[in-house]
């Protein structure tokens, strides 16, 4: 595990791009066929893939600088969750209005 942390700290940009693409595309490839088939329950996972860069950056910042920071450490994940929920609700509302 230490080698992985050292690699991430040394190659931050490569780690970010690789993890973002892997996370987002995995979710899209797994859940888009279900969504196109009419399974609306897969929409939150597609939305999670859209917000993949933000989620990966939160994760990498916790790995790179795990020390104590000024302010509340829970603010970034809470902000991410609130934006994700509101975006999902807007997406769902758009789908309802469109149909």
Protein backbone atom coordinates (compact mmCIF):
# COMPACT_ATOMS: atom_id res chain seq x y z
CA UNK A 1 0.00 0.00 0.00
CA UNK A 2 2.89 2.34 0.73
CA UNK A 3 4.22 1.86 -2.80
CA UNK A 4 0.85 2.87 -4.22
CA UNK A 5 0.77 6.00 -2.05
CA UNK A 6 4.31 6.89 -3.09
CA UNK A 7 3.40 6.41 -6.76
CA UNK A 8 0.31 8.62 -6.39
CA UNK A 9 2.30 11.34 -4.60
CA UNK A 10 5.03 11.25 -7.23
CA UNK A 11 2.79 11.09 -10.31
CA UNK A 12 -0.27 13.06 -9.29
CA UNK A 13 -1.50 14.07 -12.73
CA UNK A 14 -1.08 10.60 -14.21
CA UNK A 15 -2.87 9.10 -11.22
CA UNK A 16 -5.73 11.59 -11.48
CA UNK A 17 -6.27 11.07 -15.21
CA UNK A 18 -6.01 7.29 -14.98
CA UNK A 19 -8.33 6.94 -11.99
CA UNK A 20 -10.84 9.42 -13.40
CA UNK A 21 -11.09 7.64 -16.73
CA UNK A 22 -11.22 4.21 -15.13
CA UNK A 23 -13.90 5.19 -12.62
CA UNK A 24 -16.11 7.20 -14.97
CA UNK A 25 -15.94 4.88 -17.96
CA UNK A 26 -16.49 1.78 -15.85
CA UNK A 27 -19.72 3.24 -14.47
CA UNK A 28 -20.87 4.44 -17.89
CA UNK A 29 -20.13 1.15 -19.62
CA UNK A 30 -21.86 -0.87 -16.91
CA UNK A 31 -24.99 1.22 -16.40
CA UNK A 32 -25.68 3.00 -19.71
CA UNK A 33 -27.10 -0.12 -21.42
CA UNK A 34 -29.45 -0.57 -18.46
CA UNK A 35 -30.53 3.07 -18.63
CA UNK A 36 -31.10 2.93 -22.38
CA UNK A 37 -33.14 -0.22 -21.80
CA UNK A 38 -35.53 1.73 -19.58
CA UNK A 39 -34.00 1.04 -16.16
CA UNK A 40 -34.13 4.53 -14.65
CA UNK A 41 -32.69 3.18 -11.38
CA UNK A 42 -29.27 3.12 -13.07
CA UNK A 43 -29.32 6.92 -13.54
CA UNK A 44 -27.64 7.69 -10.17
CA UNK A 45 -24.65 5.57 -11.17
CA UNK A 46 -24.38 7.34 -14.52
CA UNK A 47 -24.49 10.66 -12.65
CA UNK A 48 -21.78 9.38 -10.33
CA UNK A 49 -19.67 8.68 -13.40
CA UNK A 50 -20.23 12.24 -14.60
CA UNK A 51 -18.91 13.54 -11.29
CA UNK A 52 -15.98 11.10 -11.41
CA UNK A 53 -13.30 13.82 -11.67
CA UNK A 54 -14.56 15.57 -8.53
CA UNK A 55 -14.82 12.34 -6.58
CA UNK A 56 -11.36 11.18 -7.65
CA UNK A 57 -9.84 14.55 -6.74
CA UNK A 58 -11.38 14.35 -3.25
CA UNK A 59 -9.95 10.83 -2.85
CA UNK A 60 -6.49 11.77 -4.14
CA UNK A 61 -6.28 14.87 -1.98
CA UNK A 62 -7.00 12.71 1.05
CA UNK A 63 -4.22 10.31 0.01
CA UNK A 64 -1.64 12.97 -0.92
CA UNK A 65 -2.10 15.22 2.14
CA UNK A 66 -3.71 13.16 4.88
CA UNK A 67 -2.61 15.56 7.64
CA UNK A 68 -4.85 17.85 9.57
CA UNK A 69 -6.10 20.84 7.60
CA UNK A 70 -7.61 24.04 8.81
CA UNK A 71 -11.39 23.98 8.72
CA UNK A 72 -13.74 21.07 8.53
CA UNK A 73 -12.41 18.01 6.69
CA UNK A 74 -15.92 16.83 5.95
CA UNK A 75 -16.82 19.85 3.82
CA UNK A 76 -15.60 18.46 0.46
CA UNK A 77 -17.44 15.10 0.66
CA UNK A 78 -20.57 16.80 1.97
CA UNK A 79 -20.46 19.38 -0.83
CA UNK A 80 -19.95 16.59 -3.36
CA UNK A 81 -22.95 14.65 -2.06
CA UNK A 82 -25.20 17.73 -2.04
CA UNK A 83 -24.25 18.68 -5.61
CA UNK A 84 -24.65 15.08 -6.77
CA UNK A 85 -28.12 14.79 -5.25
CA UNK A 86 -29.29 18.12 -6.66
CA UNK A 87 -27.89 17.26 -10.11
CA UNK A 88 -29.58 13.88 -10.02
CA UNK A 89 -32.90 15.51 -9.10
CA UNK A 90 -32.55 17.99 -11.97
CA UNK A 91 -31.66 15.17 -14.35
CA UNK A 92 -34.67 13.14 -13.23
CA UNK A 93 -36.97 16.15 -13.54
CA UNK A 94 -35.69 16.74 -17.06
CA UNK A 95 -36.42 13.11 -17.97
CA UNK A 96 -39.95 13.37 -16.58
CA UNK A 97 -40.68 16.61 -18.45
CA UNK A 98 -39.15 15.28 -21.67
CA UNK A 99 -41.34 12.18 -21.69
